[in-house]
Amino acid sequence: MLDSVSTRRLFLQRGLTLVSAAVTVPTFLDNTVLALDQKADGARVQQASGKDGKILVVIQLSGGNDGLNTVIPWADDAYHKARPAIRHDPKDVLKLNNYVGLHPNLAPLKELYDNGKMAVIQGVGYPNPNRSHFRSMDIWHTAQPDNEVATNGWLGRFFDNTCAGVDPHVGVSIGATAPLAMKGDRITPLSFERPENYRYTGKDRERYEELNQADDAPATQPAEPSAPKTAREKFEQAKIERAKTKIEITPASQMEFLTRTAMDARVSSDDILRMTRGHNPQYQYPANGFGQGLKTIAAMIKGGLPTRVYYVSLGGFDTHAGERGRHDQLMQQLAQGVSAFLKDIQQQENDDRVLLMTFSEFGRRVTQNASGGTDHGAAAPMFLFGKNIQQGVLGQHPSLTKLDQGDLIYTVDFRSIYATILQKWLDTPSKAILGSQFPTMEKLLRV
């Protein structure tokens, strides 16, 4: 015997991703059988509310961003000799020190750096780098280079270990499917391309709505003076009423439970739509999916969702040919998006709560190719942004002449950055999540 509210909570913990038309009754039934057979796991860490908890925003630069044309070693002759057609002139580089500087189109990020809100970590990678997009991305997502059949990611394991029993909005990914990094064995985050897509669209929708109203208070019961009027209030009252009633788990009650879960998604989608449609910041976000994704994330943060991790991607970085034009444009989009987002959350007075991280699956080779582009490489820089980072250029820049088959040799293991974020920002021991205790970067965060 399980009450429907507890059963629904178990179901949500174990992998419900509600994404547009991808939701079907057979998938629901398959997942429910698994969910009802498992015991709930207790949370190891007390969950903060949506209005005061720390938030991590991950930006994935998909395709292999050219780190040497992002954080440019402008003072190194080897850089200019290796890239005669795609190099940046030292006079155009936004200098960070006497060796490296930012791409000329990253002026908004240079402003953040000058204001103490940006850290640059040089030479990030991992041992025995893989130059396949898919395999290297999996390695970054899982933080397990030796595991080729992983079913969960480093953030998913964070959810599993610390967020069991909490709101399903603990992780939100902007995209058609949740990235492997966000997938846990017990918790899978919400994922949608646009807020309008996050609602139940299964068959026989009218019947589902009817079932979800079946256990409202009897018509003969006098209405309270403060009877609920909004959909959200009606949903909350119905949930309370259901909690008072024990039900037997039968095929019929499972179906009823599934339809109620679908309605949970519809109510949540109404909340998200309200947040995003009512959010009109004065800052100009890029008009592409990346920029609008960041704008949606800012709206959800302002709306108080209890989300610990948000995830969004900017693609197009596989610059094998004609790199300069495309990469220059991508740098502009990245800078404009990040700048607008950070100004937005500062105006909300949420900037003290948010840490933003960028990564790419690998960098590019030092020497340009014959097509005016660069081929798959290894180590590359990462950026962190926020009010609580230690501004500066961290880590040792890899040598441009001592190479591994034409690639930069990493100087910082990316798992040390993950460990730092887990321990110092998300307040979670990192060893159980990463599999080993990696050294943290003590100068990266001020918390």
Protein backbone atom coordinates (compact mmCIF):
# COMPACT_ATOMS: atom_id res chain seq x y z
CA MET A 1 0.00 0.00 0.00
CA LEU A 2 1.42 3.36 -1.08
CA ASP A 3 -0.24 6.73 -1.12
CA SER A 4 -0.34 8.38 -4.53
CA VAL A 5 1.76 11.39 -3.57
CA SER A 6 4.65 9.26 -2.30
CA THR A 7 4.36 7.02 -5.33
CA ARG A 8 4.49 9.99 -7.66
CA ARG A 9 7.56 11.31 -5.89
CA LEU A 10 9.31 7.98 -6.39
CA PHE A 11 8.32 8.01 -10.03
CA LEU A 12 9.68 11.48 -10.60
CA GLN A 13 12.95 10.60 -8.87
CA ARG A 14 13.53 7.68 -11.17
CA GLY A 15 13.85 9.22 -14.53
CA LEU A 16 10.77 11.08 -15.76
CA THR A 17 11.80 13.49 -18.48
CA LEU A 18 8.81 15.39 -19.81
CA VAL A 19 9.68 16.71 -23.22
CA SER A 20 7.09 17.73 -25.74
CA ALA A 21 5.77 14.79 -27.79
CA ALA A 22 8.39 12.36 -26.49
CA VAL A 23 6.07 11.34 -23.62
CA THR A 24 4.04 8.20 -24.27
CA VAL A 25 1.96 5.93 -22.08
CA PRO A 26 4.10 2.79 -22.74
CA THR A 27 7.20 4.66 -21.55
CA PHE A 28 5.29 5.78 -18.48
CA LEU A 29 4.24 2.21 -17.71
CA ASP A 30 7.74 0.83 -18.17
CA ASN A 31 9.24 3.42 -15.86
CA THR A 32 6.48 3.00 -13.28
CA VAL A 33 7.07 -0.71 -12.84
CA LEU A 34 10.70 0.06 -12.06
CA ALA A 35 9.86 2.96 -9.80
CA LEU A 36 7.32 1.09 -7.68
CA ASP A 37 9.76 -1.73 -7.02
CA GLN A 38 12.47 0.51 -5.59
CA LYS A 39 12.86 2.03 -2.16
CA ALA A 40 13.30 5.75 -1.72
CA ASP A 41 16.77 6.96 -0.96
CA GLY A 42 17.29 9.63 1.64
CA ALA A 43 18.95 12.88 0.68
CA ARG A 44 22.45 13.35 2.04
CA VAL A 45 22.33 17.11 1.84
CA GLN A 46 19.53 19.42 2.90
CA GLN A 47 18.06 20.98 -0.23
CA ALA A 48 17.99 24.77 -0.39
CA SER A 49 14.87 26.53 -1.62
CA GLY A 50 14.62 28.12 -5.04
CA LYS A 51 15.14 31.53 -3.54
CA ASP A 52 18.39 31.03 -1.65
CA GLY A 53 20.30 27.98 -2.93
CA LYS A 54 23.52 28.04 -4.92
CA ILE A 55 23.13 27.52 -8.66
CA LEU A 56 25.52 26.15 -11.28
CA VAL A 57 24.97 27.06 -14.94
CA VAL A 58 26.93 24.93 -17.44
CA ILE A 59 27.61 26.17 -20.98
CA GLN A 60 28.74 23.46 -23.38
CA LEU A 61 30.72 24.69 -26.41
CA SER A 62 29.98 21.83 -28.79
CA GLY A 63 32.32 20.80 -31.57
CA GLY A 64 35.71 21.43 -30.01
CA ASN A 65 36.40 25.11 -29.40
CA ASP A 66 39.76 26.43 -30.62
CA GLY A 67 41.30 27.42 -27.31
CA LEU A 68 44.33 29.07 -28.89
CA ASN A 69 42.10 31.54 -30.72
CA THR A 70 39.97 32.08 -27.60
CA VAL A 71 42.67 32.66 -24.99
CA ILE A 72 45.42 33.78 -27.34
CA PRO A 73 49.14 33.45 -26.54
CA TRP A 74 49.76 36.71 -28.36
CA ALA A 75 53.36 37.09 -27.11
CA ASP A 76 54.49 33.65 -28.33
CA ASP A 77 56.17 33.58 -31.75
CA ALA A 78 55.30 29.90 -32.08
CA TYR A 79 51.59 30.83 -32.17
CA HIS A 80 52.04 33.26 -35.06
CA LYS A 81 54.29 30.90 -37.02
CA ALA A 82 51.88 27.96 -36.65
CA ARG A 83 48.82 29.97 -37.75
CA PRO A 84 49.76 32.51 -40.41
CA ALA A 85 46.24 32.70 -41.90
CA ILE A 86 44.07 32.41 -38.77
CA ARG A 87 46.16 34.07 -36.07
CA HIS A 88 45.07 37.26 -34.31
CA ASP A 89 47.31 40.30 -34.42
CA PRO A 90 48.68 41.22 -30.98
CA LYS A 91 47.34 44.76 -31.29
CA ASP A 92 43.76 43.37 -31.53
CA VAL A 93 44.00 40.93 -28.63
CA LEU A 94 42.34 41.92 -25.33
CA LYS A 95 45.36 41.39 -23.15
CA LEU A 96 45.07 39.67 -19.77
CA ASN A 97 48.81 39.61 -19.00
CA ASN A 98 52.12 39.75 -20.82
CA TYR A 99 51.53 36.39 -22.53
CA VAL A 100 47.81 35.72 -23.17
CA GLY A 101 44.71 37.72 -24.00
CA LEU A 102 41.12 37.23 -25.10
CA HIS A 103 39.72 37.03 -28.63
CA PRO A 104 38.88 40.55 -29.91
CA ASN A 105 35.14 39.73 -29.91
CA LEU A 106 35.17 38.83 -26.22
CA ALA A 107 35.17 42.47 -25.07
CA PRO A 108 32.08 41.92 -22.86
CA LEU A 109 33.95 39.10 -21.12
CA LYS A 110 37.05 41.27 -20.73
CA GLU A 111 34.81 43.74 -18.91
CA LEU A 112 33.68 40.95 -16.59
CA TYR A 113 37.31 39.97 -16.05
CA ASP A 114 38.27 43.54 -15.20
CA ASN A 115 35.37 43.69 -12.74
CA GLY A 116 36.59 40.58 -10.93
CA LYS A 117 33.86 38.24 -12.18
CA MET A 118 35.77 35.94 -14.54
CA ALA A 119 38.47 33.30 -14.14
CA VAL A 120 40.43 31.75 -17.02
CA ILE A 121 41.82 28.25 -16.46
CA GLN A 122 44.53 27.34 -18.97
CA GLY A 123 45.47 23.96 -20.41
CA VAL A 124 42.50 21.91 -19.19
CA GLY A 125 42.28 18.30 -20.33
CA TYR A 126 42.84 14.71 -19.20
CA PRO A 127 45.36 11.87 -19.67
CA ASN A 128 45.42 9.98 -22.98
CA PRO A 129 43.02 12.37 -24.73
CA ASN A 130 40.50 11.06 -27.23
CA ARG A 131 39.98 13.08 -30.42
CA SER A 132 36.52 11.72 -31.23
CA HIS A 133 33.74 14.24 -30.60
CA PHE A 134 31.43 11.61 -29.16
CA ARG A 135 33.91 9.77 -26.99
CA SER A 136 35.61 12.88 -25.65
CA MET A 137 32.26 14.49 -24.89
CA ASP A 138 31.25 11.35 -23.00
CA ILE A 139 34.46 11.58 -20.99
CA TRP A 140 33.74 15.18 -20.03
CA HIS A 141 30.11 14.34 -19.24
CA THR A 142 30.86 11.31 -17.10
CA ALA A 143 34.25 12.30 -15.65
CA GLN A 144 35.11 8.60 -16.12
CA PRO A 145 37.64 8.23 -18.97
CA ASP A 146 37.91 4.46 -18.50
CA ASN A 147 34.16 3.78 -18.61
CA GLU A 148 32.95 3.36 -22.19
CA VAL A 149 29.40 2.24 -21.33
CA ALA A 150 28.43 4.84 -18.76
CA THR A 151 24.74 5.38 -18.01
CA ASN A 152 25.13 8.41 -15.79
CA GLY A 153 27.04 11.68 -15.69
CA TRP A 154 28.91 13.61 -13.03
CA LEU A 155 26.00 15.97 -12.41
CA GLY A 156 23.56 13.07 -12.51
CA ARG A 157 25.55 11.34 -9.78
CA PHE A 158 25.45 14.60 -7.83
CA PHE A 159 21.66 14.54 -8.12
CA ASP A 160 21.51 10.86 -7.10
CA ASN A 161 23.77 11.35 -4.09
CA THR A 162 22.43 14.61 -2.74
CA CYS A 163 19.01 15.36 -4.19
CA ALA A 164 16.89 12.23 -3.70
CA GLY A 165 13.35 13.05 -2.62
CA VAL A 166 13.40 16.65 -3.82
CA ASP A 167 11.60 18.61 -6.52
CA PRO A 168 12.08 17.19 -10.07
CA HIS A 169 13.22 20.64 -11.17
CA VAL A 170 16.56 20.04 -9.41
CA GLY A 171 18.16 19.98 -12.88
CA VAL A 172 16.95 21.77 -16.01
CA SER A 173 18.52 21.35 -19.45
CA ILE A 174 17.68 23.60 -22.38
CA GLY A 175 17.54 21.20 -25.32
CA ALA A 176 15.51 18.38 -26.82
CA THR A 177 17.14 15.77 -24.56
CA ALA A 178 19.05 15.95 -21.33
CA PRO A 179 22.84 15.62 -21.77
CA LEU A 180 24.58 12.57 -20.33
CA ALA A 181 26.29 14.82 -17.79
CA MET A 182 22.89 15.49 -16.16
CA LYS A 183 21.55 11.93 -16.17
CA GLY A 184 21.54 9.99 -12.93
CA ASP A 185 20.48 6.42 -12.22
CA ARG A 186 17.62 7.65 -10.04
CA ILE A 187 17.09 11.24 -11.11
CA THR A 188 16.90 12.63 -14.63
CA PRO A 189 16.46 16.38 -15.05
CA LEU A 190 13.77 18.17 -16.95
CA SER A 191 14.65 19.02 -20.53
CA PHE A 192 12.93 21.23 -23.10
CA GLU A 193 13.96 23.36 -26.06
CA ARG A 194 11.43 26.10 -25.30
CA PRO A 195 9.15 26.58 -22.29
CA GLU A 196 6.10 26.06 -24.52
CA ASN A 197 7.31 22.50 -25.23
CA TYR A 198 7.31 21.47 -21.59
CA ARG A 199 3.81 20.11 -21.21
CA TYR A 200 2.06 16.77 -21.51
CA THR A 201 0.88 15.99 -25.05
CA GLY A 202 -0.06 12.31 -24.82
CA LYS A 203 -3.09 10.56 -26.31
CA ASP A 204 -6.57 10.98 -24.88
CA ARG A 205 -5.63 14.22 -23.16
CA GLU A 206 -9.22 15.00 -22.19
CA ARG A 207 -9.48 11.67 -20.36
CA TYR A 208 -6.23 12.44 -18.53
CA GLU A 209 -7.59 15.78 -17.41
CA GLU A 210 -10.81 14.12 -16.25
CA LEU A 211 -8.89 11.56 -14.21
CA ASN A 212 -6.80 14.24 -12.62
CA GLN A 213 -9.94 15.94 -11.37
CA ALA A 214 -11.54 12.74 -10.13
CA ASP A 215 -10.59 13.04 -6.49
CA ASP A 216 -11.30 16.72 -5.93
CA ALA A 217 -13.53 17.47 -2.95
CA PRO A 218 -17.11 16.08 -3.30
CA ALA A 219 -19.64 18.45 -4.80
CA THR A 220 -21.79 18.19 -1.66
CA GLN A 221 -19.00 19.54 0.56
CA PRO A 222 -19.42 23.24 1.33
CA ALA A 223 -16.80 25.40 -0.31
CA GLU A 224 -14.30 27.07 1.96
CA PRO A 225 -14.24 30.88 1.94
CA SER A 226 -10.79 30.72 0.40
CA ALA A 227 -11.53 28.01 -2.15
CA PRO A 228 -8.72 27.70 -4.73
CA LYS A 229 -9.22 29.53 -7.99
CA THR A 230 -6.04 29.09 -9.99
CA ALA A 231 -4.87 25.85 -11.59
CA ARG A 232 -1.92 25.76 -9.23
CA GLU A 233 -4.11 26.19 -6.14
CA LYS A 234 -6.50 23.47 -7.34
CA PHE A 235 -3.55 21.16 -7.96
CA GLU A 236 -2.12 21.75 -4.48
CA GLN A 237 -5.50 21.15 -2.82
CA ALA A 238 -6.03 17.94 -4.79
CA LYS A 239 -2.56 16.76 -3.77
CA ILE A 240 -3.36 17.31 -0.11
CA GLU A 241 -6.64 15.41 -0.46
CA ARG A 242 -4.92 12.50 -2.18
CA ALA A 243 -2.36 12.32 0.60
CA LYS A 244 -5.18 11.50 3.02
CA THR A 245 -6.32 8.47 1.03
CA LYS A 246 -4.54 5.12 0.84
CA ILE A 247 -4.89 3.27 -2.45
CA GLU A 248 -4.04 -0.23 -3.60
CA ILE A 249 -1.51 -0.48 -6.39
CA THR A 250 -3.44 -1.99 -9.30
CA PRO A 251 -3.21 -1.52 -13.09
CA ALA A 252 -6.07 0.97 -12.83
CA SER A 253 -4.46 2.93 -10.01
CA GLN A 254 -1.13 2.94 -11.83
CA MET A 255 -2.80 4.46 -14.87
CA GLU A 256 -4.49 7.03 -12.68
CA PHE A 257 -1.15 7.79 -11.06
CA LEU A 258 0.48 8.21 -14.47
CA THR A 259 -2.13 10.66 -15.63
CA ARG A 260 -1.78 12.62 -12.42
CA THR A 261 1.96 12.79 -13.00
CA ALA A 262 1.29 14.14 -16.46
CA MET A 263 -0.86 16.82 -14.90
CA ASP A 264 1.97 17.66 -12.52
CA ALA A 265 4.01 18.45 -15.61
CA ARG A 266 1.28 20.62 -17.06
CA VAL A 267 1.01 22.63 -13.85
CA SER A 268 4.79 22.99 -13.72
CA SER A 269 4.84 24.06 -17.35
CA ASP A 270 2.26 26.74 -16.56
CA ASP A 271 4.60 28.05 -13.86
CA ILE A 272 7.58 28.09 -16.22
CA LEU A 273 5.58 29.76 -18.98
CA ARG A 274 4.43 32.40 -16.53
CA MET A 275 8.03 33.04 -15.45
CA THR A 276 9.47 33.24 -18.95
CA ARG A 277 6.67 35.22 -20.57
CA GLY A 278 6.74 37.75 -17.78
CA HIS A 279 10.51 38.21 -17.95
CA ASN A 280 11.50 41.22 -20.05
CA PRO A 281 15.07 42.18 -19.16
CA GLN A 282 16.61 45.35 -20.51
CA TYR A 283 19.69 43.45 -21.67
CA GLN A 284 20.02 42.19 -25.25
CA TYR A 285 20.47 38.41 -25.48
CA PRO A 286 21.57 36.83 -28.79
CA ALA A 287 18.55 35.89 -30.90
CA ASN A 288 19.74 32.29 -31.41
CA GLY A 289 18.87 29.24 -29.32
CA PHE A 290 21.85 29.74 -27.05
CA GLY A 291 20.98 33.31 -26.16
CA GLN A 292 17.30 32.57 -25.67
CA GLY A 293 18.23 29.54 -23.56
CA LEU A 294 20.23 31.76 -21.22
CA LYS A 295 17.33 34.21 -21.11
CA THR A 296 14.99 31.36 -20.13
CA ILE A 297 17.39 30.23 -17.41
CA ALA A 298 17.57 33.76 -16.02
CA ALA A 299 13.76 33.90 -15.95
CA MET A 300 13.54 30.59 -14.07
CA ILE A 301 16.13 31.75 -11.55
CA LYS A 302 14.15 34.94 -11.03
CA GLY A 303 10.98 32.86 -10.66
CA GLY A 304 12.47 30.88 -7.78
CA LEU A 305 12.61 27.36 -9.21
CA PRO A 306 14.45 25.04 -6.76
CA THR A 307 17.00 24.18 -9.47
CA ARG A 308 20.61 23.47 -8.56
CA VAL A 309 22.01 23.01 -12.10
CA TYR A 310 21.03 24.53 -15.45
CA TYR A 311 22.59 23.41 -18.74
CA VAL A 312 22.70 25.05 -22.18
CA SER A 313 24.80 24.57 -25.33
CA LEU A 314 26.35 26.70 -28.05
CA GLY A 315 27.30 24.64 -31.11
CA GLY A 316 29.28 25.08 -34.32
CA PHE A 317 32.86 24.89 -33.04
CA ASP A 318 34.09 22.11 -35.35
CA THR A 319 36.14 24.56 -37.43
CA HIS A 320 38.02 22.36 -39.92
CA ALA A 321 37.79 24.98 -42.68
CA GLY A 322 37.41 28.73 -42.86
CA GLU A 323 37.74 29.05 -39.13
CA ARG A 324 38.16 32.78 -38.68
CA GLY A 325 34.74 33.92 -39.85
CA ARG A 326 32.75 31.28 -38.00
CA HIS A 327 34.82 31.30 -34.84
CA ASP A 328 34.73 35.10 -34.67
CA GLN A 329 30.93 34.97 -34.81
CA LEU A 330 30.71 32.28 -32.14
CA MET A 331 32.95 34.29 -29.83
CA GLN A 332 30.61 37.25 -30.24
CA GLN A 333 27.56 35.12 -29.45
CA LEU A 334 29.23 33.62 -26.39
CA ALA A 335 30.29 37.01 -25.06
CA GLN A 336 26.94 38.69 -25.66
CA GLY A 337 25.00 35.82 -24.11
CA VAL A 338 27.12 35.50 -20.98
CA SER A 339 27.27 39.27 -20.48
CA ALA A 340 23.49 39.72 -20.81
CA PHE A 341 22.84 36.78 -18.49
CA LEU A 342 25.15 38.01 -15.73
CA LYS A 343 23.76 41.54 -15.93
CA ASP A 344 20.27 40.09 -15.78
CA ILE A 345 20.85 38.06 -12.63
CA GLN A 346 22.73 40.96 -11.05
CA GLN A 347 19.67 43.15 -11.56
CA GLN A 348 17.61 40.38 -9.93
CA GLU A 349 20.06 40.43 -6.98
CA ASN A 350 20.72 36.74 -7.61
CA ASP A 351 24.33 37.14 -8.74
CA ASP A 352 25.68 36.01 -5.38
CA ARG A 353 24.03 32.61 -5.92
CA VAL A 354 25.12 31.80 -9.47
CA LEU A 355 28.32 30.25 -10.82
CA LEU A 356 28.66 29.84 -14.59
CA MET A 357 31.11 27.40 -16.24
CA THR A 358 32.06 26.84 -19.88
CA PHE A 359 33.72 23.76 -21.37
CA SER A 360 34.30 22.06 -24.72
CA GLU A 361 35.09 18.43 -25.49
CA PHE A 362 38.60 19.29 -26.73
CA GLY A 363 40.66 22.11 -28.19
CA ARG A 364 42.23 22.25 -31.66
CA ARG A 365 45.71 21.49 -32.98
CA VAL A 366 48.37 24.15 -32.74
CA THR A 367 49.11 24.28 -36.47
CA GLN A 368 46.42 25.40 -38.90
CA ASN A 369 45.44 22.99 -41.69
CA ALA A 370 45.41 23.55 -45.45
CA SER A 371 41.74 24.64 -45.40
CA GLY A 372 42.26 27.63 -43.17
CA GLY A 373 40.95 25.78 -40.15
CA THR A 374 42.16 23.55 -37.34
CA ASP A 375 41.74 19.86 -36.62
CA HIS A 376 40.77 18.05 -33.43
CA GLY A 377 43.19 18.62 -30.58
CA ALA A 378 43.36 18.18 -26.83
CA ALA A 379 43.82 20.71 -24.03
CA ALA A 380 41.93 24.01 -24.02
CA PRO A 381 40.89 26.78 -21.60
CA MET A 382 37.77 26.87 -19.44
CA PHE A 383 35.97 29.96 -18.15
CA LEU A 384 34.21 30.47 -14.84
CA PHE A 385 32.04 33.50 -14.13
CA GLY A 386 30.36 34.85 -11.04
CA LYS A 387 30.53 37.14 -8.07
CA ASN A 388 32.30 34.49 -5.99
CA ILE A 389 35.14 33.44 -8.29
CA GLN A 390 38.74 34.51 -7.84
CA GLN A 391 39.48 36.67 -10.85
CA GLY A 392 42.63 35.79 -12.75
CA VAL A 393 44.44 33.53 -15.19
CA LEU A 394 44.98 30.19 -13.47
CA GLY A 395 47.01 27.16 -14.40
CA GLN A 396 50.09 26.91 -16.56
CA HIS A 397 49.68 27.53 -20.28
CA PRO A 398 50.81 24.48 -22.27
CA SER A 399 53.94 24.73 -24.38
CA LEU A 400 53.36 25.47 -28.07
CA THR A 401 56.50 23.58 -29.09
CA LYS A 402 56.58 20.59 -26.74
CA LEU A 403 53.55 18.76 -28.13
CA ASP A 404 51.86 15.36 -28.11
CA GLN A 405 51.38 14.42 -31.77
CA GLY A 406 50.78 18.06 -32.62
CA ASP A 407 48.51 18.70 -29.64
CA LEU A 408 48.87 20.73 -26.48
CA ILE A 409 49.65 18.73 -23.37
CA TYR A 410 47.18 19.40 -20.58
CA THR A 411 48.35 21.01 -17.35
CA VAL A 412 45.06 20.92 -15.36
CA ASP A 413 42.84 17.84 -15.10
CA PHE A 414 39.22 18.87 -15.70
CA ARG A 415 38.13 16.67 -12.79
CA SER A 416 39.99 18.96 -10.41
CA ILE A 417 37.69 21.75 -11.57
CA TYR A 418 34.66 19.51 -11.12
CA ALA A 419 35.89 18.57 -7.63
CA THR A 420 36.29 22.24 -6.76
CA ILE A 421 32.77 23.07 -7.94
CA LEU A 422 31.24 20.08 -6.15
CA GLN A 423 32.98 20.71 -2.84
CA LYS A 424 33.21 24.47 -2.67
CA TRP A 425 30.09 25.52 -4.56
CA LEU A 426 27.60 22.65 -4.39
CA ASP A 427 28.74 21.69 -0.86
CA THR A 428 29.09 18.02 -1.75
CA PRO A 429 31.98 15.57 -1.20
CA SER A 430 33.42 14.90 -4.64
CA LYS A 431 35.13 11.53 -4.20
CA ALA A 432 31.95 9.43 -4.37
CA ILE A 433 30.82 11.31 -7.47
CA LEU A 434 34.13 11.41 -9.38
CA GLY A 435 35.44 8.03 -8.21
CA SER A 436 38.68 9.45 -6.80
CA GLN A 437 39.69 12.45 -4.76
CA PHE A 438 41.09 14.99 -7.20
CA PRO A 439 42.93 18.04 -5.86
CA THR A 440 40.79 21.15 -5.70
CA MET A 441 41.88 24.53 -7.02
CA GLU A 442 42.10 26.60 -3.88
CA LYS A 443 42.39 29.91 -5.73
CA LEU A 444 39.34 29.41 -7.92
CA LEU A 445 36.43 30.31 -5.63
CA ARG A 446 36.04 32.67 -2.69
CA VAL A 447 33.61 30.46 -0.79
